[in-house]
Amino acid sequence: MIATNIALTGAQASVARINVSAQNVANANTTGETVKAVTAANAIGKTVNHAYQPIAIYQAAAAAGGVNAKPVPAVPGTGPRYDPESQDADADGNIEAPDVDFASEDVEQRKALFSFRANLSVIKTEDRMMGALLDMRV
């Protein structure tokens, strides 16, 4: 039963990791105004467009076994990008853009998939073992 609980929390963490990574990829082009432009906009009461803040998963061991997965803001989250044609560009032509690396996100999604499969394998194996144990005759 303990192995199932550990594998279940691992599978849940894998699902959280793939969801967060997919969200980061989907919002990679959601840009906003730079810090300098935001400060100026706040001074005159203008509406501010913020860039998407990428998310990471922080995993830690659970007290009862298994793992806890918690989404946290990625560091560094955003950075400047030169795009003078954007409506959010400041006087220097810079915008604030999410710091999302597509290669890293691809690797993260693959690791989450393999981890999910491994945890599912543990659950299936324990289920077969318990079934075989209950089928034994004395």
C-alpha atoms as a PDB file:
ATOM      1  CA  MET A   1       0.000   0.000   0.000  1.00  0.00           C
ATOM      2  CA  ILE A   2       2.877   2.394   0.767  1.00  0.00           C
ATOM      3  CA  ALA A   3       4.414   1.800  -2.677  1.00  0.00           C
ATOM      4  CA  THR A   4       1.104   2.704  -4.296  1.00  0.00           C
ATOM      5  CA  ASN A   5       0.883   5.961  -2.346  1.00  0.00           C
ATOM      6  CA  ILE A   6       4.456   6.883  -3.258  1.00  0.00           C
ATOM      7  CA  ALA A   7       3.882   6.053  -6.927  1.00  0.00           C
ATOM      8  CA  LEU A   8       0.569   7.931  -6.925  1.00  0.00           C
ATOM      9  CA  THR A   9       2.158  11.131  -5.589  1.00  0.00           C
ATOM     10  CA  GLY A  10       4.939  10.712  -8.158  1.00  0.00           C
ATOM     11  CA  ALA A  11       2.388  10.386 -10.957  1.00  0.00           C
ATOM     12  CA  GLN A  12       0.531  13.470  -9.688  1.00  0.00           C
ATOM     13  CA  ALA A  13       3.814  15.410  -9.620  1.00  0.00           C
ATOM     14  CA  SER A  14       4.515  14.304 -13.199  1.00  0.00           C
ATOM     15  CA  VAL A  15       1.114  15.575 -14.312  1.00  0.00           C
ATOM     16  CA  ALA A  16       1.767  18.910 -12.581  1.00  0.00           C
ATOM     17  CA  ARG A  17       5.196  19.156 -14.260  1.00  0.00           C
ATOM     18  CA  ILE A  18       3.821  18.538 -17.744  1.00  0.00           C
ATOM     19  CA  ASN A  19       0.905  20.959 -17.200  1.00  0.00           C
ATOM     20  CA  VAL A  20       3.239  23.735 -16.052  1.00  0.00           C
ATOM     21  CA  SER A  21       5.641  23.131 -18.932  1.00  0.00           C
ATOM     22  CA  ALA A  22       2.798  23.192 -21.465  1.00  0.00           C
ATOM     23  CA  GLN A  23       1.531  26.444 -19.944  1.00  0.00           C
ATOM     24  CA  ASN A  24       5.012  27.977 -20.253  1.00  0.00           C
ATOM     25  CA  VAL A  25       5.253  26.990 -23.929  1.00  0.00           C
ATOM     26  CA  ALA A  26       1.738  28.252 -24.687  1.00  0.00           C
ATOM     27  CA  ASN A  27       2.480  31.659 -23.131  1.00  0.00           C
ATOM     28  CA  ALA A  28       6.062  32.096 -24.376  1.00  0.00           C
ATOM     29  CA  ASN A  29       5.045  34.994 -26.642  1.00  0.00           C
ATOM     30  CA  THR A  30       2.907  36.819 -24.065  1.00  0.00           C
ATOM     31  CA  THR A  31       4.941  39.971 -23.679  1.00  0.00           C
ATOM     32  CA  GLY A  32       4.408  43.159 -21.746  1.00  0.00           C
ATOM     33  CA  GLU A  33       5.826  46.533 -20.892  1.00  0.00           C
ATOM     34  CA  THR A  34       9.296  46.934 -19.398  1.00  0.00           C
ATOM     35  CA  VAL A  35       9.774  47.901 -15.767  1.00  0.00           C
ATOM     36  CA  LYS A  36      10.691  51.421 -16.873  1.00  0.00           C
ATOM     37  CA  ALA A  37       7.467  51.734 -18.911  1.00  0.00           C
ATOM     38  CA  VAL A  38       5.379  50.243 -16.093  1.00  0.00           C
ATOM     39  CA  THR A  39       6.754  52.836 -13.649  1.00  0.00           C
ATOM     40  CA  ALA A  40       5.892  55.639 -16.053  1.00  0.00           C
ATOM     41  CA  ALA A  41       2.431  54.180 -16.756  1.00  0.00           C
ATOM     42  CA  ASN A  42       1.630  53.881 -13.060  1.00  0.00           C
ATOM     43  CA  ALA A  43       2.575  57.529 -12.579  1.00  0.00           C
ATOM     44  CA  ILE A  44      -0.129  58.664 -15.015  1.00  0.00           C
ATOM     45  CA  GLY A  45      -2.699  55.961 -14.168  1.00  0.00           C
ATOM     46  CA  LYS A  46      -2.382  54.085 -17.474  1.00  0.00           C
ATOM     47  CA  THR A  47      -3.309  50.385 -17.743  1.00  0.00           C
ATOM     48  CA  VAL A  48      -0.223  48.176 -17.730  1.00  0.00           C
ATOM     49  CA  ASN A  49       0.350  45.012 -19.761  1.00  0.00           C
ATOM     50  CA  HIS A  50       2.544  42.543 -17.891  1.00  0.00           C
ATOM     51  CA  ALA A  51       4.590  39.794 -19.493  1.00  0.00           C
ATOM     52  CA  TYR A  52       3.769  36.174 -18.663  1.00  0.00           C
ATOM     53  CA  GLN A  53       5.653  34.938 -15.604  1.00  0.00           C
ATOM     54  CA  PRO A  54       6.988  31.420 -16.342  1.00  0.00           C
ATOM     55  CA  ILE A  55       6.365  28.757 -13.703  1.00  0.00           C
ATOM     56  CA  ALA A  56       8.553  25.959 -12.369  1.00  0.00           C
ATOM     57  CA  ILE A  57       7.696  22.991 -10.163  1.00  0.00           C
ATOM     58  CA  TYR A  58       9.348  22.664  -6.766  1.00  0.00           C
ATOM     59  CA  GLN A  59       9.318  19.060  -5.589  1.00  0.00           C
ATOM     60  CA  ALA A  60      10.022  17.994  -2.017  1.00  0.00           C
ATOM     61  CA  ALA A  61       9.692  14.741  -0.112  1.00  0.00           C
ATOM     62  CA  ALA A  62       6.370  14.312   1.669  1.00  0.00           C
ATOM     63  CA  ALA A  63       6.386  13.399   5.351  1.00  0.00           C
ATOM     64  CA  ALA A  64       4.277  10.268   4.773  1.00  0.00           C
ATOM     65  CA  GLY A  65       6.338   9.155   1.784  1.00  0.00           C
ATOM     66  CA  GLY A  66       6.147  10.228  -1.807  1.00  0.00           C
ATOM     67  CA  VAL A  67       6.558  13.729  -3.118  1.00  0.00           C
ATOM     68  CA  ASN A  68       4.826  17.108  -2.990  1.00  0.00           C
ATOM     69  CA  ALA A  69       4.884  19.223  -6.146  1.00  0.00           C
ATOM     70  CA  LYS A  70       4.303  22.955  -5.828  1.00  0.00           C
ATOM     71  CA  PRO A  71       4.253  25.500  -8.675  1.00  0.00           C
ATOM     72  CA  VAL A  72       6.537  28.497  -8.071  1.00  0.00           C
ATOM     73  CA  PRO A  73       7.565  31.456 -10.254  1.00  0.00           C
ATOM     74  CA  ALA A  74      10.594  30.630 -12.394  1.00  0.00           C
ATOM     75  CA  VAL A  75      13.744  32.663 -11.815  1.00  0.00           C
ATOM     76  CA  PRO A  76      14.638  34.596 -13.912  1.00  0.00           C
ATOM     77  CA  GLY A  77      11.100  34.965 -15.090  1.00  0.00           C
ATOM     78  CA  THR A  78      11.265  37.668 -17.702  1.00  0.00           C
ATOM     79  CA  GLY A  79      13.821  39.743 -19.506  1.00  0.00           C
ATOM     80  CA  PRO A  80      14.009  42.532 -22.051  1.00  0.00           C
ATOM     81  CA  ARG A  81      13.567  41.836 -25.757  1.00  0.00           C
ATOM     82  CA  TYR A  82      14.038  44.337 -28.569  1.00  0.00           C
ATOM     83  CA  ASP A  83      10.760  44.792 -30.465  1.00  0.00           C
ATOM     84  CA  PRO A  84      10.184  48.431 -31.422  1.00  0.00           C
ATOM     85  CA  GLU A  85       7.016  47.544 -33.400  1.00  0.00           C
ATOM     86  CA  SER A  86       5.201  46.254 -30.292  1.00  0.00           C
ATOM     87  CA  GLN A  87       2.530  48.409 -28.666  1.00  0.00           C
ATOM     88  CA  ASP A  88       4.217  47.652 -25.327  1.00  0.00           C
ATOM     89  CA  ALA A  89       7.653  48.921 -26.429  1.00  0.00           C
ATOM     90  CA  ASP A  90       9.321  51.587 -24.309  1.00  0.00           C
ATOM     91  CA  ALA A  91      11.220  54.587 -25.712  1.00  0.00           C
ATOM     92  CA  ASP A  92      14.251  52.350 -26.411  1.00  0.00           C
ATOM     93  CA  GLY A  93      12.136  49.789 -28.310  1.00  0.00           C
ATOM     94  CA  ASN A  94      12.314  47.118 -25.601  1.00  0.00           C
ATOM     95  CA  ILE A  95       9.516  44.953 -24.257  1.00  0.00           C
ATOM     96  CA  GLU A  96       9.420  42.534 -21.332  1.00  0.00           C
ATOM     97  CA  ALA A  97       9.278  38.899 -22.471  1.00  0.00           C
ATOM     98  CA  PRO A  98       9.081  35.546 -20.661  1.00  0.00           C
ATOM     99  CA  ASP A  99      12.361  33.680 -20.347  1.00  0.00           C
ATOM    100  CA  VAL A 100      11.098  30.368 -21.767  1.00  0.00           C
ATOM    101  CA  ASP A 101      13.601  28.002 -23.369  1.00  0.00           C
ATOM    102  CA  PHE A 102      11.772  25.644 -25.718  1.00  0.00           C
ATOM    103  CA  ALA A 103      14.519  22.999 -25.611  1.00  0.00           C
ATOM    104  CA  SER A 104      14.429  22.897 -21.796  1.00  0.00           C
ATOM    105  CA  GLU A 105      10.636  22.700 -21.818  1.00  0.00           C
ATOM    106  CA  ASP A 106      10.764  19.802 -24.306  1.00  0.00           C
ATOM    107  CA  VAL A 107      13.196  17.939 -22.049  1.00  0.00           C
ATOM    108  CA  GLU A 108      11.010  18.688 -18.997  1.00  0.00           C
ATOM    109  CA  GLN A 109       7.921  17.315 -20.738  1.00  0.00           C
ATOM    110  CA  ARG A 110       9.760  14.143 -21.757  1.00  0.00           C
ATOM    111  CA  LYS A 111      11.113  13.629 -18.220  1.00  0.00           C
ATOM    112  CA  ALA A 112       7.614  14.077 -16.811  1.00  0.00           C
ATOM    113  CA  LEU A 113       6.227  11.540 -19.281  1.00  0.00           C
ATOM    114  CA  PHE A 114       8.902   8.938 -18.418  1.00  0.00           C
ATOM    115  CA  SER A 115       8.405   9.571 -14.706  1.00  0.00           C
ATOM    116  CA  PHE A 116       4.641   9.142 -15.070  1.00  0.00           C
ATOM    117  CA  ARG A 117       5.115   5.844 -16.921  1.00  0.00           C
ATOM    118  CA  ALA A 118       7.543   4.574 -14.268  1.00  0.00           C
ATOM    119  CA  ASN A 119       5.124   5.429 -11.444  1.00  0.00           C
ATOM    120  CA  LEU A 120       2.255   3.818 -13.324  1.00  0.00           C
ATOM    121  CA  SER A 121       4.381   0.689 -13.725  1.00  0.00           C
ATOM    122  CA  VAL A 122       4.891   0.533  -9.951  1.00  0.00           C
ATOM    123  CA  ILE A 123       1.131   0.786  -9.384  1.00  0.00           C
ATOM    124  CA  LYS A 124       0.410  -1.954 -11.933  1.00  0.00           C
ATOM    125  CA  THR A 125       3.083  -4.244 -10.444  1.00  0.00           C
ATOM    126  CA  GLU A 126       1.743  -3.830  -6.918  1.00  0.00           C
ATOM    127  CA  ASP A 127      -1.774  -4.496  -8.169  1.00  0.00           C
ATOM    128  CA  ARG A 128      -0.641  -7.752  -9.818  1.00  0.00           C
ATOM    129  CA  MET A 129       1.277  -8.778  -6.705  1.00  0.00           C
ATOM    130  CA  MET A 130      -1.707  -8.161  -4.428  1.00  0.00           C
ATOM    131  CA  GLY A 131      -3.956 -10.072  -6.840  1.00  0.00           C
ATOM    132  CA  ALA A 132      -1.559 -13.013  -6.893  1.00  0.00           C
ATOM    133  CA  LEU A 133      -1.302 -12.960  -3.104  1.00  0.00           C
ATOM    134  CA  LEU A 134      -5.076 -13.069  -2.700  1.00  0.00           C
ATOM    135  CA  ASP A 135      -5.375 -15.901  -5.257  1.00  0.00           C
ATOM    136  CA  MET A 136      -2.985 -18.193  -3.294  1.00  0.00           C
ATOM    137  CA  ARG A 137      -4.466 -21.207  -1.590  1.00  0.00           C
ATOM    138  CA  VAL A 138      -3.126 -22.543   1.661  1.00  0.00           C
END
